[in-house]
Protein backbone atom coordinates (compact mmCIF):
# COMPACT_ATOMS: atom_id res chain seq x y z
CA MET A 1 0.00 0.00 0.00
CA ASN A 2 1.17 3.48 -0.86
CA LEU A 3 1.18 5.80 2.15
CA SER A 4 2.01 8.94 0.19
CA ARG A 5 -0.54 11.22 1.91
CA THR A 6 0.58 10.05 5.35
CA GLN A 7 4.28 10.42 4.54
CA GLN A 8 3.67 13.89 3.12
CA LEU A 9 1.73 14.91 6.23
CA ILE A 10 4.39 13.63 8.61
CA HIS A 11 7.26 15.10 6.60
CA ASP A 12 5.80 18.45 5.50
CA GLY A 13 3.23 19.08 8.23
CA ILE A 14 0.05 21.09 7.86
CA ASP A 15 -0.68 24.42 6.23
CA PRO A 16 -1.71 26.70 9.10
CA ASN A 17 -3.37 29.05 6.60
CA ALA A 18 -5.65 26.30 5.27
CA PRO A 19 -7.01 24.46 8.31
CA VAL A 20 -9.96 22.80 6.55
CA GLU A 21 -7.75 21.45 3.77
CA SER A 22 -5.24 20.34 6.40
CA LEU A 23 -7.95 18.49 8.32
CA ILE A 24 -8.96 16.73 5.10
CA HIS A 25 -5.31 15.76 4.62
CA VAL A 26 -5.14 14.34 8.16
CA LEU A 27 -8.34 12.34 7.62
CA GLU A 28 -7.09 11.02 4.27
CA SER A 29 -3.87 9.96 5.99
CA ALA A 30 -5.87 8.14 8.63
CA ILE A 31 -7.81 6.38 5.86
CA GLU A 32 -4.52 5.23 4.31
CA LEU A 33 -3.48 3.75 7.64
CA LEU A 34 -6.87 2.16 8.24
CA SER A 35 -6.66 0.57 4.80
CA LEU A 36 -3.40 -1.27 5.48
CA PRO A 37 -3.72 -5.02 5.06
CA ASP A 38 -4.18 -7.14 8.19
CA ASN A 39 -5.43 -4.30 10.41
CA ASP A 40 -7.13 -5.51 13.58
CA PHE A 41 -10.38 -3.65 14.34
CA CYS A 42 -11.53 -5.81 17.26
CA TRP A 43 -10.80 -3.20 19.97
CA SER A 44 -12.28 -0.29 18.06
CA SER A 45 -15.89 0.74 17.69
CA TRP A 46 -15.72 -0.12 13.98
CA GLN A 47 -16.77 -3.45 12.49
CA GLY A 48 -13.88 -3.29 10.03
CA GLU A 49 -12.07 -1.24 7.43
CA GLN A 50 -15.18 -0.43 5.40
CA ASP A 51 -17.00 0.93 8.47
CA ALA A 52 -13.99 3.01 9.55
CA VAL A 53 -13.34 4.45 6.10
CA ALA A 54 -17.02 5.31 5.65
CA GLU A 55 -17.04 7.30 8.90
CA LEU A 56 -13.96 9.30 7.95
CA ASN A 57 -15.21 9.85 4.40
CA SER A 58 -18.49 11.23 5.76
CA ILE A 59 -16.50 13.86 7.69
CA ILE A 60 -14.40 14.66 4.62
CA ASN A 61 -17.59 15.09 2.56
CA LEU A 62 -18.98 17.55 5.13
CA LEU A 63 -15.77 19.55 5.00
CA LYS A 64 -15.80 19.61 1.20
CA GLU A 65 -19.35 20.97 1.37
CA SER A 66 -18.06 23.83 3.55
CA SER A 67 -19.67 22.44 6.67
CA LEU A 68 -17.61 22.03 9.82
CA PRO A 69 -18.58 18.92 11.81
CA GLU A 70 -19.00 19.05 15.55
CA ARG A 71 -15.61 19.11 17.23
CA VAL A 72 -16.32 16.05 19.36
CA LYS A 73 -17.24 13.97 16.29
CA VAL A 74 -13.70 14.38 14.97
CA ALA A 75 -11.79 14.70 18.24
CA VAL A 76 -13.01 11.33 19.52
CA LEU A 77 -11.38 9.62 16.53
CA PHE A 78 -7.94 10.90 17.55
CA ALA A 79 -8.41 10.70 21.32
CA PRO A 80 -6.32 8.39 23.52
CA THR A 81 -8.09 5.02 23.45
CA GLY A 82 -10.23 6.31 20.58
CA PRO A 83 -10.92 4.03 17.63
CA LEU A 84 -7.93 5.14 15.55
CA GLN A 85 -5.50 4.56 18.38
CA GLU A 86 -7.05 1.19 19.18
CA VAL A 87 -6.62 0.02 15.58
CA SER A 88 -3.11 1.46 15.41
CA LEU A 89 -1.92 -0.30 18.56
CA SER A 90 -3.41 -3.67 17.64
CA SER A 91 -2.12 -3.38 14.07
CA GLY A 92 1.45 -2.21 14.60
CA TRP A 93 1.37 1.40 13.42
CA GLY A 94 1.06 3.18 16.75
CA ASP A 95 3.99 5.52 16.06
CA ALA A 96 2.49 6.65 12.75
CA PHE A 97 -0.84 7.25 14.47
CA LEU A 98 0.80 9.46 17.10
CA LYS A 99 2.41 11.59 14.38
CA VAL A 100 -0.89 11.96 12.51
CA ALA A 101 -2.75 12.69 15.76
CA GLU A 102 -0.21 15.40 16.56
CA LYS A 103 -1.06 17.08 13.25
CA TYR A 104 -4.76 16.79 14.10
CA ASP A 105 -4.12 18.53 17.43
CA GLU A 106 -2.51 21.45 15.57
CA ILE A 107 -5.50 21.78 13.26
CA GLU A 108 -8.08 21.40 16.02
CA LYS A 109 -6.74 24.55 17.71
CA ARG A 110 -7.25 26.51 14.50
CA LEU A 111 -10.73 25.28 13.57
CA TRP A 112 -12.67 25.17 16.82
């Protein structure tokens, strides 16, 4: 699997002048990670990859329609013991998750 969006996010960071676009980038990076083969979703609230990707895509679609979702709806995804962290820890990409979550934290301060 190509993790180009995630690698770009980790290497280049976010654009502080474009917080909505940066949030979309973070969510797309999370989708890349959730789409890795052999991910283990058993400790998350998601039934599997399709469920997880659908939830993140619904947030991306809202953002693309110029609608900001409720903060908690997005924040819970990146929270400690939230569904993204649970999948990351049980699937072996916990370090990548922490780097992506750090970028989310930067964006969260700018949007809400």
